[in-house]
Amino acid sequence: MRAIDVLREEPVISSWIGDLSYVKFSDGTGGVQMTTNNGRTYFIDGVPEEEYNDWMRAPSKGKYWWTDIKYFYTG
């Protein structure tokens, strides 16, 4: 599947996460591309845009990953 739009790529202040990007695909689905501070990039499929927005507003991006993303969207 082909990404049609990277809606936002935002650097974040985190000891672990370098930036988060919301990606939308041609079929209407989306997800988050997460790049860690050590340069590894991961794609988390199926994360709704509103969840991404909540993640960006979270005071701790790493804690949000562990409590609201990892076990819900990574299978």
Protein backbone atom coordinates (compact mmCIF):
# COMPACT_ATOMS: atom_id res chain seq x y z
CA MET A 1 0.00 0.00 0.00
CA ARG A 2 1.22 3.44 -0.83
CA ALA A 3 1.34 6.39 1.55
CA ILE A 4 -0.49 9.29 0.02
CA ASP A 5 0.16 11.84 2.68
CA VAL A 6 2.34 12.40 5.69
CA LEU A 7 0.00 14.65 7.60
CA ARG A 8 2.51 15.79 10.18
CA GLU A 9 6.04 14.96 11.16
CA GLU A 10 6.91 16.41 14.51
CA PRO A 11 10.08 16.20 16.56
CA VAL A 12 9.29 15.46 20.17
CA ILE A 13 11.08 15.99 23.44
CA SER A 14 11.66 12.51 24.76
CA SER A 15 14.55 10.47 26.07
CA TRP A 16 13.55 7.65 23.73
CA ILE A 17 11.41 8.94 20.82
CA GLY A 18 12.92 11.35 18.27
CA ASP A 19 9.88 12.09 16.13
CA LEU A 20 6.38 10.95 15.32
CA SER A 21 4.62 11.22 11.96
CA TYR A 22 1.03 10.47 11.05
CA VAL A 23 0.76 8.73 7.66
CA LYS A 24 -2.44 8.24 5.65
CA PHE A 25 -2.76 5.62 2.87
CA SER A 26 -4.74 5.62 -0.35
CA ASP A 27 -7.32 3.22 1.11
CA GLY A 28 -8.10 5.65 3.94
CA THR A 29 -6.22 3.78 6.66
CA GLY A 30 -3.36 5.31 8.55
CA GLY A 31 -0.79 4.88 11.21
CA VAL A 32 2.18 6.40 12.95
CA GLN A 33 5.81 6.31 11.96
CA MET A 34 7.97 6.54 15.06
CA THR A 35 11.70 7.20 14.95
CA THR A 36 13.69 6.60 18.11
CA ASN A 37 16.60 8.73 19.20
CA ASN A 38 18.99 5.96 18.14
CA GLY A 39 17.67 6.16 14.56
CA ARG A 40 15.40 3.10 14.41
CA THR A 41 12.12 3.65 12.60
CA TYR A 42 8.91 1.75 13.31
CA PHE A 43 5.47 1.90 11.71
CA ILE A 44 2.47 1.36 13.96
CA ASP A 45 -0.45 0.45 11.70
CA GLY A 46 -4.05 1.32 12.47
CA VAL A 47 -3.47 4.17 14.91
CA PRO A 48 -6.31 6.65 14.36
CA GLU A 49 -5.41 10.28 13.77
CA GLU A 50 -7.13 11.33 17.01
CA GLU A 51 -4.98 8.83 18.97
CA TYR A 52 -1.90 10.34 17.31
CA ASN A 53 -3.08 13.80 18.40
CA ASP A 54 -3.53 12.56 21.98
CA TRP A 55 -0.03 11.07 21.86
CA MET A 56 1.40 14.39 20.70
CA ARG A 57 -0.32 16.18 23.60
CA ALA A 58 0.89 13.67 26.19
CA PRO A 59 3.48 15.06 28.63
CA SER A 60 5.55 11.87 28.23
CA LYS A 61 5.64 10.33 24.75
CA GLY A 62 7.39 7.19 26.05
CA LYS A 63 4.84 6.59 28.80
CA TYR A 64 2.01 7.10 26.31
CA TRP A 65 3.63 4.49 24.05
CA TRP A 66 3.65 1.93 26.88
CA THR A 67 0.17 2.67 28.25
CA ASP A 68 -1.90 3.58 25.18
CA ILE A 69 -0.19 2.40 21.99
CA LYS A 70 2.06 -0.66 22.29
CA TYR A 71 -0.44 -3.25 23.50
CA PHE A 72 -3.39 -1.88 21.52
CA TYR A 73 -1.87 -1.40 18.08
CA THR A 74 1.14 -3.69 17.77
CA GLY A 75 -0.64 -7.04 18.09
